[in-house]
Amino acid sequence: MQRRTTPGSSRRSEASRRAILTAAFELAGEVGYAKLSIEGIAARAGVGKQTIYRWWPSKGAVLFDAILSLSEGPEGSALPDTDDLEADLKAVLRATVDELADPRFDRPLRALAIEITQDPKLAALYAERLDGPMQELKKARLRAAQKAGQLPGDLDLDVAVDLIWSPLLGRWLYRSGPLTHAYADAVVETALRGLRHNTEPAS
């Protein structure tokens, strides 16, 4: 006999899921990733460990979903396109600076970044659900700039995305310097100066 899911049980499941994600995010910020555990998440959320394992294979996967649920996902979104590529990219990178500088996100995001380098399954999940879609959004904005004659038509968009976004993430991850709006603006200006070098004037 097939088990039916009642509206009440669905609401309880969703409430449990939200409690687990909140608990994982809060604990990662409080105790750090090394001390984060499924047991601790379960206790904070008020659920059993098996409830967590029913939805996630590891604490890294829970934390990834927690961060994703608190950030604006790529689905249905797009980078701003005001026909001013430099201004649009500066706006995006400044927003990234603000998010990375938010003390609520700093420790959990660093924990996730480290865990991705050690867990191939989590890395694949990150690529599929967040990094890959975001890369496509970034390339779509640069592709629009190509069509408008603002960037060379033969530009390697994957390399261009790395040139624009990687300096910001590298400075944040390695704490190699202050992460400010001024730095974000300088990255955009420097990257575009190089990327536009061979741009032909639009006809």
C-alpha atoms as a PDB file:
ATOM      1  CA  MET A   1       0.000   0.000   0.000  1.00  0.00           C
ATOM      2  CA  GLN A   2       1.453   3.369  -1.003  1.00  0.00           C
ATOM      3  CA  ARG A   3       2.041   5.804   1.829  1.00  0.00           C
ATOM      4  CA  ARG A   4       0.364   9.137   1.288  1.00  0.00           C
ATOM      5  CA  THR A   5       1.943  12.401   2.402  1.00  0.00           C
ATOM      6  CA  THR A   6      -0.553  14.561   4.240  1.00  0.00           C
ATOM      7  CA  PRO A   7      -0.401  18.374   4.186  1.00  0.00           C
ATOM      8  CA  GLY A   8       0.441  18.335   7.883  1.00  0.00           C
ATOM      9  CA  SER A   9       3.376  15.983   7.440  1.00  0.00           C
ATOM     10  CA  SER A  10       4.658  18.062   4.505  1.00  0.00           C
ATOM     11  CA  ARG A  11       4.576  21.192   6.647  1.00  0.00           C
ATOM     12  CA  ARG A  12       6.390  19.383   9.469  1.00  0.00           C
ATOM     13  CA  SER A  13       9.030  18.122   7.048  1.00  0.00           C
ATOM     14  CA  GLU A  14       9.608  21.607   5.674  1.00  0.00           C
ATOM     15  CA  ALA A  15       9.769  23.048   9.197  1.00  0.00           C
ATOM     16  CA  SER A  16      12.350  20.411  10.156  1.00  0.00           C
ATOM     17  CA  ARG A  17      14.366  21.108   7.025  1.00  0.00           C
ATOM     18  CA  ARG A  18      14.427  24.856   7.712  1.00  0.00           C
ATOM     19  CA  ALA A  19      15.399  24.233  11.339  1.00  0.00           C
ATOM     20  CA  ILE A  20      18.290  22.007  10.230  1.00  0.00           C
ATOM     21  CA  LEU A  21      19.595  24.556   7.724  1.00  0.00           C
ATOM     22  CA  THR A  22      19.380  27.364  10.267  1.00  0.00           C
ATOM     23  CA  ALA A  23      21.132  25.259  12.888  1.00  0.00           C
ATOM     24  CA  ALA A  24      23.945  24.303  10.507  1.00  0.00           C
ATOM     25  CA  PHE A  25      24.531  27.898   9.447  1.00  0.00           C
ATOM     26  CA  GLU A  26      24.497  29.239  13.007  1.00  0.00           C
ATOM     27  CA  LEU A  27      26.766  26.517  14.381  1.00  0.00           C
ATOM     28  CA  ALA A  28      29.296  26.914  11.575  1.00  0.00           C
ATOM     29  CA  GLY A  29      29.589  30.558  12.532  1.00  0.00           C
ATOM     30  CA  GLU A  30      29.800  29.826  16.258  1.00  0.00           C
ATOM     31  CA  VAL A  31      32.122  26.824  16.514  1.00  0.00           C
ATOM     32  CA  GLY A  32      33.744  26.609  13.077  1.00  0.00           C
ATOM     33  CA  TYR A  33      33.586  23.820  10.546  1.00  0.00           C
ATOM     34  CA  ALA A  34      36.025  21.486  12.317  1.00  0.00           C
ATOM     35  CA  LYS A  35      33.739  21.276  15.360  1.00  0.00           C
ATOM     36  CA  LEU A  36      30.513  21.234  13.382  1.00  0.00           C
ATOM     37  CA  SER A  37      28.836  17.831  13.575  1.00  0.00           C
ATOM     38  CA  ILE A  38      25.634  16.142  12.480  1.00  0.00           C
ATOM     39  CA  GLU A  39      24.933  15.434  16.166  1.00  0.00           C
ATOM     40  CA  GLY A  40      25.291  19.116  17.019  1.00  0.00           C
ATOM     41  CA  ILE A  41      23.100  20.205  14.133  1.00  0.00           C
ATOM     42  CA  ALA A  42      20.425  17.671  15.107  1.00  0.00           C
ATOM     43  CA  ALA A  43      20.454  18.817  18.729  1.00  0.00           C
ATOM     44  CA  ARG A  44      20.187  22.487  17.790  1.00  0.00           C
ATOM     45  CA  ALA A  45      17.401  21.805  15.284  1.00  0.00           C
ATOM     46  CA  GLY A  46      15.487  19.482  17.602  1.00  0.00           C
ATOM     47  CA  VAL A  47      15.496  16.539  15.199  1.00  0.00           C
ATOM     48  CA  GLY A  48      17.063  13.093  15.069  1.00  0.00           C
ATOM     49  CA  LYS A  49      20.304  12.403  13.181  1.00  0.00           C
ATOM     50  CA  GLN A  50      18.497  10.089  10.785  1.00  0.00           C
ATOM     51  CA  THR A  51      16.267  12.964   9.721  1.00  0.00           C
ATOM     52  CA  ILE A  52      19.355  14.832   8.567  1.00  0.00           C
ATOM     53  CA  TYR A  53      20.894  11.807   6.844  1.00  0.00           C
ATOM     54  CA  ARG A  54      17.629  11.239   5.006  1.00  0.00           C
ATOM     55  CA  TRP A  55      18.194  14.509   3.128  1.00  0.00           C
ATOM     56  CA  TRP A  56      21.969  15.105   3.205  1.00  0.00           C
ATOM     57  CA  PRO A  57      24.995  12.762   3.054  1.00  0.00           C
ATOM     58  CA  SER A  58      27.367  14.946   5.079  1.00  0.00           C
ATOM     59  CA  LYS A  59      27.686  18.062   7.196  1.00  0.00           C
ATOM     60  CA  GLY A  60      29.293  19.804   4.220  1.00  0.00           C
ATOM     61  CA  ALA A  61      26.209  19.163   2.107  1.00  0.00           C
ATOM     62  CA  VAL A  62      23.981  20.543   4.877  1.00  0.00           C
ATOM     63  CA  LEU A  63      26.092  23.682   5.183  1.00  0.00           C
ATOM     64  CA  PHE A  64      26.085  24.179   1.421  1.00  0.00           C
ATOM     65  CA  ASP A  65      22.278  24.055   1.325  1.00  0.00           C
ATOM     66  CA  ALA A  66      22.119  26.383   4.331  1.00  0.00           C
ATOM     67  CA  ILE A  67      24.267  28.996   2.606  1.00  0.00           C
ATOM     68  CA  LEU A  68      22.415  28.557  -0.676  1.00  0.00           C
ATOM     69  CA  SER A  69      19.054  29.045   1.037  1.00  0.00           C
ATOM     70  CA  LEU A  70      20.225  32.332   2.570  1.00  0.00           C
ATOM     71  CA  SER A  71      21.717  33.702  -0.637  1.00  0.00           C
ATOM     72  CA  GLU A  72      20.015  34.803  -3.797  1.00  0.00           C
ATOM     73  CA  GLY A  73      20.073  31.814  -6.096  1.00  0.00           C
ATOM     74  CA  PRO A  74      20.959  32.107  -9.767  1.00  0.00           C
ATOM     75  CA  GLU A  75      17.629  30.780 -10.998  1.00  0.00           C
ATOM     76  CA  GLY A  76      15.484  33.446 -12.579  1.00  0.00           C
ATOM     77  CA  SER A  77      18.135  36.109 -12.042  1.00  0.00           C
ATOM     78  CA  ALA A  78      20.538  37.900 -14.328  1.00  0.00           C
ATOM     79  CA  LEU A  79      23.370  40.348 -14.025  1.00  0.00           C
ATOM     80  CA  PRO A  80      22.332  43.987 -14.531  1.00  0.00           C
ATOM     81  CA  ASP A  81      22.453  45.223 -18.119  1.00  0.00           C
ATOM     82  CA  THR A  82      22.135  48.996 -18.408  1.00  0.00           C
ATOM     83  CA  ASP A  83      24.285  49.075 -21.562  1.00  0.00           C
ATOM     84  CA  ASP A  84      27.158  50.352 -19.382  1.00  0.00           C
ATOM     85  CA  LEU A  85      29.328  47.265 -18.863  1.00  0.00           C
ATOM     86  CA  GLU A  86      31.777  48.890 -16.472  1.00  0.00           C
ATOM     87  CA  ALA A  87      29.061  50.298 -14.214  1.00  0.00           C
ATOM     88  CA  ASP A  88      27.181  46.997 -14.227  1.00  0.00           C
ATOM     89  CA  LEU A  89      30.238  44.947 -13.292  1.00  0.00           C
ATOM     90  CA  LYS A  90      31.189  47.396 -10.555  1.00  0.00           C
ATOM     91  CA  ALA A  91      27.693  47.081  -9.090  1.00  0.00           C
ATOM     92  CA  VAL A  92      27.940  43.280  -9.090  1.00  0.00           C
ATOM     93  CA  LEU A  93      31.414  43.166  -7.550  1.00  0.00           C
ATOM     94  CA  ARG A  94      30.492  45.738  -4.922  1.00  0.00           C
ATOM     95  CA  ALA A  95      27.518  43.580  -3.918  1.00  0.00           C
ATOM     96  CA  THR A  96      29.877  40.598  -3.717  1.00  0.00           C
ATOM     97  CA  VAL A  97      32.192  42.592  -1.421  1.00  0.00           C
ATOM     98  CA  ASP A  98      29.255  43.411   0.833  1.00  0.00           C
ATOM     99  CA  GLU A  99      28.215  39.765   1.086  1.00  0.00           C
ATOM    100  CA  LEU A 100      31.741  38.502   1.762  1.00  0.00           C
ATOM    101  CA  ALA A 101      32.232  41.203   4.397  1.00  0.00           C
ATOM    102  CA  ASP A 102      29.006  40.248   6.203  1.00  0.00           C
ATOM    103  CA  PRO A 103      30.142  38.651   9.490  1.00  0.00           C
ATOM    104  CA  ARG A 104      27.214  36.211   9.340  1.00  0.00           C
ATOM    105  CA  PHE A 105      28.563  34.697   6.136  1.00  0.00           C
ATOM    106  CA  ASP A 106      32.326  34.971   6.567  1.00  0.00           C
ATOM    107  CA  ARG A 107      33.033  31.892   8.693  1.00  0.00           C
ATOM    108  CA  PRO A 108      30.467  29.556   7.068  1.00  0.00           C
ATOM    109  CA  LEU A 109      31.611  30.554   3.567  1.00  0.00           C
ATOM    110  CA  ARG A 110      35.262  29.962   4.424  1.00  0.00           C
ATOM    111  CA  ALA A 111      34.365  26.568   5.880  1.00  0.00           C
ATOM    112  CA  LEU A 112      32.497  25.631   2.736  1.00  0.00           C
ATOM    113  CA  ALA A 113      35.353  26.790   0.496  1.00  0.00           C
ATOM    114  CA  ILE A 114      37.820  24.591   2.373  1.00  0.00           C
ATOM    115  CA  GLU A 115      35.516  21.574   2.413  1.00  0.00           C
ATOM    116  CA  ILE A 116      34.901  21.806  -1.338  1.00  0.00           C
ATOM    117  CA  THR A 117      38.633  21.315  -1.939  1.00  0.00           C
ATOM    118  CA  GLN A 118      38.568  18.066   0.049  1.00  0.00           C
ATOM    119  CA  ASP A 119      35.207  16.523  -0.848  1.00  0.00           C
ATOM    120  CA  PRO A 120      34.770  15.672  -4.564  1.00  0.00           C
ATOM    121  CA  LYS A 121      31.051  14.992  -4.155  1.00  0.00           C
ATOM    122  CA  LEU A 122      30.485  18.353  -2.500  1.00  0.00           C
ATOM    123  CA  ALA A 123      32.610  20.020  -5.191  1.00  0.00           C
ATOM    124  CA  ALA A 124      30.432  18.443  -7.874  1.00  0.00           C
ATOM    125  CA  LEU A 125      27.278  19.594  -6.076  1.00  0.00           C
ATOM    126  CA  TYR A 126      28.674  23.120  -5.805  1.00  0.00           C
ATOM    127  CA  ALA A 127      29.540  23.156  -9.504  1.00  0.00           C
ATOM    128  CA  GLU A 128      26.110  21.872 -10.502  1.00  0.00           C
ATOM    129  CA  ARG A 129      23.884  23.987  -8.292  1.00  0.00           C
ATOM    130  CA  LEU A 130      25.760  27.253  -7.806  1.00  0.00           C
ATOM    131  CA  ASP A 131      29.070  27.818  -9.568  1.00  0.00           C
ATOM    132  CA  GLY A 132      28.012  26.493 -12.973  1.00  0.00           C
ATOM    133  CA  PRO A 133      24.763  28.496 -13.198  1.00  0.00           C
ATOM    134  CA  MET A 134      26.527  31.631 -11.930  1.00  0.00           C
ATOM    135  CA  GLN A 135      29.282  31.214 -14.518  1.00  0.00           C
ATOM    136  CA  GLU A 136      26.639  31.092 -17.237  1.00  0.00           C
ATOM    137  CA  LEU A 137      25.025  34.299 -15.962  1.00  0.00           C
ATOM    138  CA  LYS A 138      28.376  36.078 -15.954  1.00  0.00           C
ATOM    139  CA  LYS A 139      29.194  34.885 -19.459  1.00  0.00           C
ATOM    140  CA  ALA A 140      25.730  35.898 -20.684  1.00  0.00           C
ATOM    141  CA  ARG A 141      26.398  39.495 -19.571  1.00  0.00           C
ATOM    142  CA  LEU A 142      29.802  39.534 -21.256  1.00  0.00           C
ATOM    143  CA  ARG A 143      28.293  37.975 -24.382  1.00  0.00           C
ATOM    144  CA  ALA A 144      25.774  40.827 -24.526  1.00  0.00           C
ATOM    145  CA  ALA A 145      28.693  43.265 -24.332  1.00  0.00           C
ATOM    146  CA  GLN A 146      30.326  41.458 -27.252  1.00  0.00           C
ATOM    147  CA  LYS A 147      27.177  41.850 -29.345  1.00  0.00           C
ATOM    148  CA  ALA A 148      27.119  45.547 -28.475  1.00  0.00           C
ATOM    149  CA  GLY A 149      30.719  45.910 -29.671  1.00  0.00           C
ATOM    150  CA  GLN A 150      31.981  46.646 -26.158  1.00  0.00           C
ATOM    151  CA  LEU A 151      34.221  43.560 -25.997  1.00  0.00           C
ATOM    152  CA  PRO A 152      36.126  41.651 -28.717  1.00  0.00           C
ATOM    153  CA  GLY A 153      34.021  39.046 -30.497  1.00  0.00           C
ATOM    154  CA  ASP A 154      36.735  36.393 -30.160  1.00  0.00           C
ATOM    155  CA  LEU A 155      37.146  36.902 -26.403  1.00  0.00           C
ATOM    156  CA  ASP A 156      37.434  33.711 -24.334  1.00  0.00           C
ATOM    157  CA  LEU A 157      34.544  34.276 -21.938  1.00  0.00           C
ATOM    158  CA  ASP A 158      35.687  31.671 -19.401  1.00  0.00           C
ATOM    159  CA  VAL A 159      39.043  33.433 -19.078  1.00  0.00           C
ATOM    160  CA  ALA A 160      37.342  36.828 -18.940  1.00  0.00           C
ATOM    161  CA  VAL A 161      35.114  35.715 -16.061  1.00  0.00           C
ATOM    162  CA  ASP A 162      38.182  34.510 -14.159  1.00  0.00           C
ATOM    163  CA  LEU A 163      39.987  37.817 -14.756  1.00  0.00           C
ATOM    164  CA  ILE A 164      37.090  39.836 -13.396  1.00  0.00           C
ATOM    165  CA  TRP A 165      35.920  37.752 -10.429  1.00  0.00           C
ATOM    166  CA  SER A 166      38.912  35.726  -9.222  1.00  0.00           C
ATOM    167  CA  PRO A 167      40.965  38.618  -7.728  1.00  0.00           C
ATOM    168  CA  LEU A 168      38.102  39.515  -5.409  1.00  0.00           C
ATOM    169  CA  LEU A 169      37.593  35.960  -4.173  1.00  0.00           C
ATOM    170  CA  GLY A 170      41.332  35.382  -3.827  1.00  0.00           C
ATOM    171  CA  ARG A 171      41.831  38.485  -1.691  1.00  0.00           C
ATOM    172  CA  TRP A 172      38.913  37.458   0.519  1.00  0.00           C
ATOM    173  CA  LEU A 173      39.972  33.827   0.895  1.00  0.00           C
ATOM    174  CA  TYR A 174      43.633  34.526   1.668  1.00  0.00           C
ATOM    175  CA  ARG A 175      43.071  37.814   3.525  1.00  0.00           C
ATOM    176  CA  SER A 176      45.775  39.329   1.337  1.00  0.00           C
ATOM    177  CA  GLY A 177      44.447  42.878   1.539  1.00  0.00           C
ATOM    178  CA  PRO A 178      41.417  45.016   2.346  1.00  0.00           C
ATOM    179  CA  LEU A 179      38.252  44.012   0.538  1.00  0.00           C
ATOM    180  CA  THR A 180      36.570  47.283  -0.384  1.00  0.00           C
ATOM    181  CA  HIS A 181      34.382  48.846  -3.025  1.00  0.00           C
ATOM    182  CA  ALA A 182      37.428  50.786  -4.219  1.00  0.00           C
ATOM    183  CA  TYR A 183      39.295  47.525  -4.791  1.00  0.00           C
ATOM    184  CA  ALA A 184      36.315  46.040  -6.653  1.00  0.00           C
ATOM    185  CA  ASP A 185      36.175  49.117  -8.890  1.00  0.00           C
ATOM    186  CA  ALA A 186      39.910  48.890  -9.583  1.00  0.00           C
ATOM    187  CA  VAL A 187      39.591  45.212 -10.537  1.00  0.00           C
ATOM    188  CA  VAL A 188      36.834  45.981 -13.040  1.00  0.00           C
ATOM    189  CA  GLU A 189      38.692  48.942 -14.552  1.00  0.00           C
ATOM    190  CA  THR A 190      41.958  47.021 -14.896  1.00  0.00           C
ATOM    191  CA  ALA A 191      40.317  43.895 -16.313  1.00  0.00           C
ATOM    192  CA  LEU A 192      38.256  45.789 -18.869  1.00  0.00           C
ATOM    193  CA  ARG A 193      41.271  47.839 -19.948  1.00  0.00           C
ATOM    194  CA  GLY A 194      42.973  44.606 -20.951  1.00  0.00           C
ATOM    195  CA  LEU A 195      39.900  42.871 -22.352  1.00  0.00           C
ATOM    196  CA  ARG A 196      38.986  45.849 -24.536  1.00  0.00           C
ATOM    197  CA  HIS A 197      42.480  46.243 -25.992  1.00  0.00           C
ATOM    198  CA  ASN A 198      41.594  44.733 -29.368  1.00  0.00           C
ATOM    199  CA  THR A 199      37.983  45.867 -29.536  1.00  0.00           C
ATOM    200  CA  GLU A 200      37.004  47.312 -32.884  1.00  0.00           C
ATOM    201  CA  PRO A 201      34.710  50.347 -32.800  1.00  0.00           C
ATOM    202  CA  ALA A 202      31.068  49.359 -33.175  1.00  0.00           C
ATOM    203  CA  SER A 203      29.742  50.095 -36.681  1.00  0.00           C
END
